[in-house]
Structures are given as C-alpha cells and as structure tokens.
Amino acid sequence: MSETTALIGLAALWLAYAALHSLLAANAVKAAITRRWPGAAGAYRLAYNALAGLLLLPPLALLYGRAWTPLWTWPGLWAWVSHGLGLLAILGFWLSSRHYDMADFLGFKASTVKAGFCLSPWHCHVRHPWYALGLLLIWSRPMDSGFLLTACVLTLYFVIGSRLEEQKLIAQYGEVYRAYCQRVPGLVPLPWRRLRADEAAALIAQAQRPEC
C-alpha cells in the first residue's frame, strides 16, 4: 500500500471514528436508543465508552503499524521541552481526573441522573481541560506524515466536538453556561480570561436557583 493510500485510509478511519463518536453522544440518539430498549439507559455510558475504546483500535493499528515519512523532530534542548510538555499533559489528565466522578464518567455507576453544574479549578482556566491537554500532548510530539494527519484531524474533532458538547450544556444550563463561555476560553487557556474562585462559586450558585 502506498503512503498516499495509507494516509487516505487513516483519514477515513479517524473521520469515521469522530462522526460515530459524536453521533452516539447526541441526546437525540441516546433518547431513541433508550426508548427502544429502556433497560439500557443506565448502561448507555458504559457501552458508549467501551465502543469508543474498540473503535480506536483500527486507526491506531494503521498509525503505528507502518513506517511513515518523517517530517520533523525536536533537536537538543527542544527534545527535553517536548518530552516535558508531554509529561505535563499526562500529569494534567491525572490531576484533573480527581475532580470528576470517574466511576460515573466511565459508566460503572449506571446512573441516569444528570450531574449539577460545577466548575473544577481547571474549568476556571479553560472550558474543556481534557481537550486542551490532548492538544498539548499531540502537538508536542515529533511528527511524521501519519501523525501530522492524525493531529490535524483530532484538532478539528476537538474544535467541532467541543461546540457540539456546549450546545447540550447551553440547553441544560441556559444563561449560566452562556455567561461562563463569555468569561473562559474553550481550548487554549488565556491568562486574562479566567474565573476567580468567587466568580466560579457565584455561577454555581446561580445554576442551583430554581429559575435556572
């Protein structure tokens, strides 16, 4: 298989993954499935995450199963910076996960109750901490043709996916979430756009009022 053909196949696999992942996350699709199979409602998130993991295997197998054309590496001191940024991203995933109920997030609790509006310290700096950390991780790596294509497709997916996710959050939390979006950037933290602890607490209190 030529590299051009392999790149087209890799792009198709990543785009198919992103489309299916977003489709199954849509409230309308989840509602339709749980109407058809009411007993599946509590296990939907667990099945969704399990399927997401399985669907990652084909593009990853192609990405790491062949040699791609090298594009650039980080020389000398920059290699240490690159590795340091990657380690910081991984550490960030671990630290930020402590502010989530991971059993619920992964679907092991089989709960159908939606969580209330809350903001971790990470969410005071960026609306989508895991997407931001993912961008840091993928763009700090040495690049070959396959990984560059992967980084571009995943970046596009993070941008579009975050917008789709926010539409659901606006529908759920209304003006509280709109106000939050106006104050905090979506994917790239900006020092001059962040919430203080008291401002975050005020938004959380506003979301808990009956009229919200």
C-alpha atoms as a PDB file:
ATOM      1  CA  MET A   1       0.000   0.000   0.000  1.00  0.00           C
ATOM      2  CA  SER A   2       1.419   3.388  -0.991  1.00  0.00           C
ATOM      3  CA  GLU A   3       1.754   6.087   1.660  1.00  0.00           C
ATOM      4  CA  THR A   4      -0.834   8.248  -0.110  1.00  0.00           C
ATOM      5  CA  THR A   5      -3.352   5.411   0.012  1.00  0.00           C
ATOM      6  CA  ALA A   6      -2.469   4.743   3.642  1.00  0.00           C
ATOM      7  CA  LEU A   7      -2.964   8.414   4.532  1.00  0.00           C
ATOM      8  CA  ILE A   8      -6.378   8.435   2.853  1.00  0.00           C
ATOM      9  CA  GLY A   9      -7.318   5.296   4.756  1.00  0.00           C
ATOM     10  CA  LEU A  10      -6.047   6.759   8.030  1.00  0.00           C
ATOM     11  CA  ALA A  11      -8.019   9.963   7.497  1.00  0.00           C
ATOM     12  CA  ALA A  12     -11.154   7.953   6.695  1.00  0.00           C
ATOM     13  CA  LEU A  13     -10.761   5.867   9.873  1.00  0.00           C
ATOM     14  CA  TRP A  14     -10.292   8.934  12.088  1.00  0.00           C
ATOM     15  CA  LEU A  15     -13.193  10.784  10.475  1.00  0.00           C
ATOM     16  CA  ALA A  16     -15.446   7.741  10.821  1.00  0.00           C
ATOM     17  CA  TYR A  17     -14.447   7.441  14.473  1.00  0.00           C
ATOM     18  CA  ALA A  18     -15.156  11.126  15.140  1.00  0.00           C
ATOM     19  CA  ALA A  19     -18.521  11.027  13.341  1.00  0.00           C
ATOM     20  CA  LEU A  20     -19.733   7.899  15.137  1.00  0.00           C
ATOM     21  CA  HIS A  21     -18.425   9.072  18.494  1.00  0.00           C
ATOM     22  CA  SER A  22     -20.268  12.393  18.160  1.00  0.00           C
ATOM     23  CA  LEU A  23     -23.422  10.762  16.800  1.00  0.00           C
ATOM     24  CA  LEU A  24     -23.708   8.345  19.716  1.00  0.00           C
ATOM     25  CA  ALA A  25     -23.100  11.204  22.170  1.00  0.00           C
ATOM     26  CA  ALA A  26     -26.067  13.175  20.810  1.00  0.00           C
ATOM     27  CA  ASN A  27     -29.020  13.422  23.190  1.00  0.00           C
ATOM     28  CA  ALA A  28     -31.482  12.553  20.408  1.00  0.00           C
ATOM     29  CA  VAL A  29     -29.673   9.301  19.589  1.00  0.00           C
ATOM     30  CA  LYS A  30     -29.352   8.325  23.232  1.00  0.00           C
ATOM     31  CA  ALA A  31     -33.052   9.060  23.786  1.00  0.00           C
ATOM     32  CA  ALA A  32     -34.039   6.991  20.753  1.00  0.00           C
ATOM     33  CA  ILE A  33     -31.968   4.021  21.886  1.00  0.00           C
ATOM     34  CA  THR A  34     -33.225   4.134  25.456  1.00  0.00           C
ATOM     35  CA  ARG A  35     -36.843   4.420  24.230  1.00  0.00           C
ATOM     36  CA  ARG A  36     -36.322   1.296  22.175  1.00  0.00           C
ATOM     37  CA  TRP A  37     -34.501  -0.516  24.986  1.00  0.00           C
ATOM     38  CA  PRO A  38     -35.461   1.165  28.302  1.00  0.00           C
ATOM     39  CA  GLY A  39     -33.325  -1.208  30.317  1.00  0.00           C
ATOM     40  CA  ALA A  40     -30.211   0.024  28.540  1.00  0.00           C
ATOM     41  CA  ALA A  41     -30.479   3.585  29.870  1.00  0.00           C
ATOM     42  CA  GLY A  42     -28.279   3.035  32.909  1.00  0.00           C
ATOM     43  CA  ALA A  43     -25.620   1.164  30.927  1.00  0.00           C
ATOM     44  CA  TYR A  44     -25.508   3.546  27.971  1.00  0.00           C
ATOM     45  CA  ARG A  45     -22.408   5.444  29.068  1.00  0.00           C
ATOM     46  CA  LEU A  46     -20.500   2.252  29.850  1.00  0.00           C
ATOM     47  CA  ALA A  47     -21.352   0.795  26.424  1.00  0.00           C
ATOM     48  CA  TYR A  48     -20.531   4.141  24.766  1.00  0.00           C
ATOM     49  CA  ASN A  49     -17.076   4.283  26.359  1.00  0.00           C
ATOM     50  CA  ALA A  50     -16.367   0.616  25.630  1.00  0.00           C
ATOM     51  CA  LEU A  51     -17.315   1.094  21.973  1.00  0.00           C
ATOM     52  CA  ALA A  52     -15.198   4.257  21.787  1.00  0.00           C
ATOM     53  CA  GLY A  53     -12.190   2.269  23.007  1.00  0.00           C
ATOM     54  CA  LEU A  54     -12.744  -0.516  20.474  1.00  0.00           C
ATOM     55  CA  LEU A  55     -13.210   1.937  17.605  1.00  0.00           C
ATOM     56  CA  LEU A  56      -9.826   3.498  18.394  1.00  0.00           C
ATOM     57  CA  LEU A  57      -8.050   0.261  17.563  1.00  0.00           C
ATOM     58  CA  PRO A  58      -8.253   0.377  13.717  1.00  0.00           C
ATOM     59  CA  PRO A  59      -6.814   3.903  13.260  1.00  0.00           C
ATOM     60  CA  LEU A  60      -4.162   3.308  15.920  1.00  0.00           C
ATOM     61  CA  ALA A  61      -3.191  -0.006  14.323  1.00  0.00           C
ATOM     62  CA  LEU A  62      -2.689   1.725  10.976  1.00  0.00           C
ATOM     63  CA  LEU A  63      -0.925   4.720  12.549  1.00  0.00           C
ATOM     64  CA  TYR A  64       1.634   2.641  14.447  1.00  0.00           C
ATOM     65  CA  GLY A  65       1.673  -0.391  12.150  1.00  0.00           C
ATOM     66  CA  ARG A  66       3.748   1.109   9.358  1.00  0.00           C
ATOM     67  CA  ALA A  67       6.628   3.499   8.793  1.00  0.00           C
ATOM     68  CA  TRP A  68       5.605   6.992   7.747  1.00  0.00           C
ATOM     69  CA  THR A  69       7.690   9.750   6.195  1.00  0.00           C
ATOM     70  CA  PRO A  70       9.499  11.658   8.990  1.00  0.00           C
ATOM     71  CA  LEU A  71       8.728  15.373   8.980  1.00  0.00           C
ATOM     72  CA  TRP A  72      10.428  16.886  11.995  1.00  0.00           C
ATOM     73  CA  THR A  73      11.884  16.048  15.373  1.00  0.00           C
ATOM     74  CA  TRP A  74      12.747  18.298  18.291  1.00  0.00           C
ATOM     75  CA  PRO A  75      16.560  18.648  18.456  1.00  0.00           C
ATOM     76  CA  GLY A  76      18.725  19.057  21.549  1.00  0.00           C
ATOM     77  CA  LEU A  77      17.131  21.066  24.346  1.00  0.00           C
ATOM     78  CA  TRP A  78      13.855  21.204  22.434  1.00  0.00           C
ATOM     79  CA  ALA A  79      13.556  17.429  22.734  1.00  0.00           C
ATOM     80  CA  TRP A  80      13.558  17.802  26.523  1.00  0.00           C
ATOM     81  CA  VAL A  81      10.945  20.549  26.222  1.00  0.00           C
ATOM     82  CA  SER A  82       8.829  18.285  24.006  1.00  0.00           C
ATOM     83  CA  HIS A  83       9.029  15.369  26.441  1.00  0.00           C
ATOM     84  CA  GLY A  84       8.382  17.704  29.361  1.00  0.00           C
ATOM     85  CA  LEU A  85       5.230  19.073  27.744  1.00  0.00           C
ATOM     86  CA  GLY A  86       4.024  15.554  27.030  1.00  0.00           C
ATOM     87  CA  LEU A  87       4.597  14.525  30.637  1.00  0.00           C
ATOM     88  CA  LEU A  88       2.846  17.674  31.857  1.00  0.00           C
ATOM     89  CA  ALA A  89      -0.163  16.821  29.697  1.00  0.00           C
ATOM     90  CA  ILE A  90      -0.318  13.282  31.112  1.00  0.00           C
ATOM     91  CA  LEU A  91       0.061  14.641  34.651  1.00  0.00           C
ATOM     92  CA  GLY A  92      -2.689  17.138  33.883  1.00  0.00           C
ATOM     93  CA  PHE A  93      -5.037  14.348  32.842  1.00  0.00           C
ATOM     94  CA  TRP A  94      -4.392  12.549  36.116  1.00  0.00           C
ATOM     95  CA  LEU A  95      -4.736  15.633  38.320  1.00  0.00           C
ATOM     96  CA  SER A  96      -7.859  16.905  36.586  1.00  0.00           C
ATOM     97  CA  SER A  97      -9.496  13.462  36.753  1.00  0.00           C
ATOM     98  CA  ARG A  98      -9.529  13.824  40.541  1.00  0.00           C
ATOM     99  CA  HIS A  99     -12.217  16.485  40.112  1.00  0.00           C
ATOM    100  CA  TYR A 100     -14.501  14.075  38.246  1.00  0.00           C
ATOM    101  CA  ASP A 101     -16.532  11.156  39.492  1.00  0.00           C
ATOM    102  CA  MET A 102     -14.655   8.753  37.240  1.00  0.00           C
ATOM    103  CA  ALA A 103     -16.891   5.791  38.069  1.00  0.00           C
ATOM    104  CA  ASP A 104     -19.856   7.808  36.838  1.00  0.00           C
ATOM    105  CA  PHE A 105     -17.927   9.243  33.878  1.00  0.00           C
ATOM    106  CA  LEU A 106     -16.884   5.783  32.692  1.00  0.00           C
ATOM    107  CA  GLY A 107     -20.380   4.393  33.226  1.00  0.00           C
ATOM    108  CA  PHE A 108     -19.756   1.998  36.110  1.00  0.00           C
ATOM    109  CA  LYS A 109     -22.397   3.631  38.305  1.00  0.00           C
ATOM    110  CA  ALA A 110     -25.197   3.051  35.789  1.00  0.00           C
ATOM    111  CA  SER A 111     -26.833   6.331  36.844  1.00  0.00           C
ATOM    112  CA  THR A 112     -29.472   8.132  34.772  1.00  0.00           C
ATOM    113  CA  VAL A 113     -29.400  11.297  36.929  1.00  0.00           C
ATOM    114  CA  LYS A 114     -27.644  14.281  35.360  1.00  0.00           C
ATOM    115  CA  ALA A 115     -24.971  15.932  37.454  1.00  0.00           C
ATOM    116  CA  GLY A 116     -25.453  19.517  38.559  1.00  0.00           C
ATOM    117  CA  PHE A 117     -23.425  22.432  37.241  1.00  0.00           C
ATOM    118  CA  CYS A 118     -19.960  22.512  38.770  1.00  0.00           C
ATOM    119  CA  LEU A 119     -16.599  24.039  37.912  1.00  0.00           C
ATOM    120  CA  SER A 120     -13.297  22.477  38.885  1.00  0.00           C
ATOM    121  CA  PRO A 121     -10.202  24.702  39.247  1.00  0.00           C
ATOM    122  CA  TRP A 122      -9.208  23.546  35.761  1.00  0.00           C
ATOM    123  CA  HIS A 123     -12.505  24.752  34.306  1.00  0.00           C
ATOM    124  CA  CYS A 124     -11.784  28.228  35.640  1.00  0.00           C
ATOM    125  CA  HIS A 125      -8.985  28.498  33.065  1.00  0.00           C
ATOM    126  CA  VAL A 126     -10.372  26.592  30.073  1.00  0.00           C
ATOM    127  CA  ARG A 127     -13.825  25.190  29.301  1.00  0.00           C
ATOM    128  CA  HIS A 128     -12.530  21.844  28.023  1.00  0.00           C
ATOM    129  CA  PRO A 129      -9.436  20.886  30.043  1.00  0.00           C
ATOM    130  CA  TRP A 130      -9.060  17.405  28.566  1.00  0.00           C
ATOM    131  CA  TYR A 131      -9.279  18.664  25.005  1.00  0.00           C
ATOM    132  CA  ALA A 132      -6.694  21.339  25.830  1.00  0.00           C
ATOM    133  CA  LEU A 133      -4.378  18.738  27.372  1.00  0.00           C
ATOM    134  CA  GLY A 134      -4.922  16.481  24.369  1.00  0.00           C
ATOM    135  CA  LEU A 135      -3.853  19.278  22.022  1.00  0.00           C
ATOM    136  CA  LEU A 136      -0.731  19.887  24.098  1.00  0.00           C
ATOM    137  CA  LEU A 137       0.105  16.185  24.013  1.00  0.00           C
ATOM    138  CA  ILE A 138      -0.316  15.602  20.287  1.00  0.00           C
ATOM    139  CA  TRP A 139       1.313  18.822  19.072  1.00  0.00           C
ATOM    140  CA  SER A 140       4.394  18.440  21.276  1.00  0.00           C
ATOM    141  CA  ARG A 141       5.317  15.098  19.639  1.00  0.00           C
ATOM    142  CA  PRO A 142       7.845  14.543  16.845  1.00  0.00           C
ATOM    143  CA  MET A 143       5.954  14.462  13.573  1.00  0.00           C
ATOM    144  CA  ASP A 144       5.779  12.061  10.663  1.00  0.00           C
ATOM    145  CA  SER A 145       3.198  12.187   7.893  1.00  0.00           C
ATOM    146  CA  GLY A 146       0.788   9.804   9.632  1.00  0.00           C
ATOM    147  CA  PHE A 147       0.955  11.545  12.987  1.00  0.00           C
ATOM    148  CA  LEU A 148       0.601  15.005  11.432  1.00  0.00           C
ATOM    149  CA  LEU A 149      -2.576  13.908   9.670  1.00  0.00           C
ATOM    150  CA  THR A 150      -3.809  12.397  12.934  1.00  0.00           C
ATOM    151  CA  ALA A 151      -3.021  15.598  14.848  1.00  0.00           C
ATOM    152  CA  CYS A 152      -4.876  17.735  12.293  1.00  0.00           C
ATOM    153  CA  VAL A 153      -7.979  15.511  12.253  1.00  0.00           C
ATOM    154  CA  LEU A 154      -8.077  15.247  16.053  1.00  0.00           C
ATOM    155  CA  THR A 155      -7.669  19.004  16.412  1.00  0.00           C
ATOM    156  CA  LEU A 156     -10.610  19.533  14.064  1.00  0.00           C
ATOM    157  CA  TYR A 157     -12.593  16.975  16.037  1.00  0.00           C
ATOM    158  CA  PHE A 158     -11.798  18.700  19.344  1.00  0.00           C
ATOM    159  CA  VAL A 159     -12.988  22.027  17.939  1.00  0.00           C
ATOM    160  CA  ILE A 160     -16.219  20.632  16.470  1.00  0.00           C
ATOM    161  CA  GLY A 161     -16.822  18.211  19.341  1.00  0.00           C
ATOM    162  CA  SER A 162     -16.442  20.945  21.936  1.00  0.00           C
ATOM    163  CA  ARG A 163     -19.023  23.073  20.088  1.00  0.00           C
ATOM    164  CA  LEU A 164     -21.497  20.180  19.955  1.00  0.00           C
ATOM    165  CA  GLU A 165     -20.946  19.463  23.634  1.00  0.00           C
ATOM    166  CA  GLU A 166     -21.528  23.095  24.508  1.00  0.00           C
ATOM    167  CA  GLN A 167     -24.843  23.150  22.675  1.00  0.00           C
ATOM    168  CA  LYS A 168     -26.030  20.409  25.028  1.00  0.00           C
ATOM    169  CA  LEU A 169     -24.686  22.281  28.054  1.00  0.00           C
ATOM    170  CA  ILE A 170     -26.389  25.513  26.984  1.00  0.00           C
ATOM    171  CA  ALA A 171     -29.658  23.602  26.575  1.00  0.00           C
ATOM    172  CA  GLN A 172     -29.208  22.186  30.068  1.00  0.00           C
ATOM    173  CA  TYR A 173     -27.898  25.221  31.978  1.00  0.00           C
ATOM    174  CA  GLY A 174     -29.022  28.157  29.825  1.00  0.00           C
ATOM    175  CA  GLU A 175     -27.687  31.626  30.579  1.00  0.00           C
ATOM    176  CA  VAL A 176     -25.380  30.354  33.311  1.00  0.00           C
ATOM    177  CA  TYR A 177     -23.352  28.410  30.791  1.00  0.00           C
ATOM    178  CA  ARG A 178     -23.512  31.239  28.260  1.00  0.00           C
ATOM    179  CA  ALA A 179     -22.040  33.575  30.876  1.00  0.00           C
ATOM    180  CA  TYR A 180     -19.349  31.017  31.628  1.00  0.00           C
ATOM    181  CA  CYS A 181     -18.445  30.777  27.916  1.00  0.00           C
ATOM    182  CA  GLN A 182     -18.064  34.553  27.720  1.00  0.00           C
ATOM    183  CA  ARG A 183     -15.562  34.553  30.574  1.00  0.00           C
ATOM    184  CA  VAL A 184     -13.446  31.436  29.907  1.00  0.00           C
ATOM    185  CA  PRO A 185     -11.783  30.319  26.615  1.00  0.00           C
ATOM    186  CA  GLY A 186     -12.710  26.974  25.103  1.00  0.00           C
ATOM    187  CA  LEU A 187      -9.488  25.139  24.230  1.00  0.00           C
ATOM    188  CA  VAL A 188      -6.487  27.418  24.772  1.00  0.00           C
ATOM    189  CA  PRO A 189      -6.051  28.972  28.244  1.00  0.00           C
ATOM    190  CA  LEU A 190      -5.547  32.747  28.240  1.00  0.00           C
ATOM    191  CA  PRO A 191      -4.233  34.375  31.431  1.00  0.00           C
ATOM    192  CA  TRP A 192      -6.529  37.398  31.065  1.00  0.00           C
ATOM    193  CA  ARG A 193      -9.648  35.252  30.643  1.00  0.00           C
ATOM    194  CA  ARG A 194     -10.234  33.129  33.698  1.00  0.00           C
ATOM    195  CA  LEU A 195     -12.615  32.865  36.620  1.00  0.00           C
ATOM    196  CA  ARG A 196     -11.646  33.659  40.165  1.00  0.00           C
ATOM    197  CA  ALA A 197     -12.829  31.190  42.797  1.00  0.00           C
ATOM    198  CA  ASP A 198     -15.541  33.567  43.990  1.00  0.00           C
ATOM    199  CA  GLU A 199     -16.796  34.118  40.426  1.00  0.00           C
ATOM    200  CA  ALA A 200     -16.979  30.356  39.858  1.00  0.00           C
ATOM    201  CA  ALA A 201     -18.890  29.933  43.121  1.00  0.00           C
ATOM    202  CA  ALA A 202     -21.353  32.645  42.061  1.00  0.00           C
ATOM    203  CA  LEU A 203     -22.058  30.882  38.750  1.00  0.00           C
ATOM    204  CA  ILE A 204     -22.564  27.555  40.518  1.00  0.00           C
ATOM    205  CA  ALA A 205     -24.983  29.207  42.986  1.00  0.00           C
ATOM    206  CA  GLN A 206     -26.856  30.856  40.108  1.00  0.00           C
ATOM    207  CA  ALA A 207     -27.255  27.478  38.373  1.00  0.00           C
ATOM    208  CA  GLN A 208     -28.731  25.989  41.535  1.00  0.00           C
ATOM    209  CA  ARG A 209     -31.508  28.579  41.768  1.00  0.00           C
ATOM    210  CA  PRO A 210     -34.913  27.283  40.612  1.00  0.00           C
ATOM    211  CA  GLU A 211     -35.257  29.828  37.811  1.00  0.00           C
ATOM    212  CA  CYS A 212     -32.045  28.457  36.231  1.00  0.00           C
END
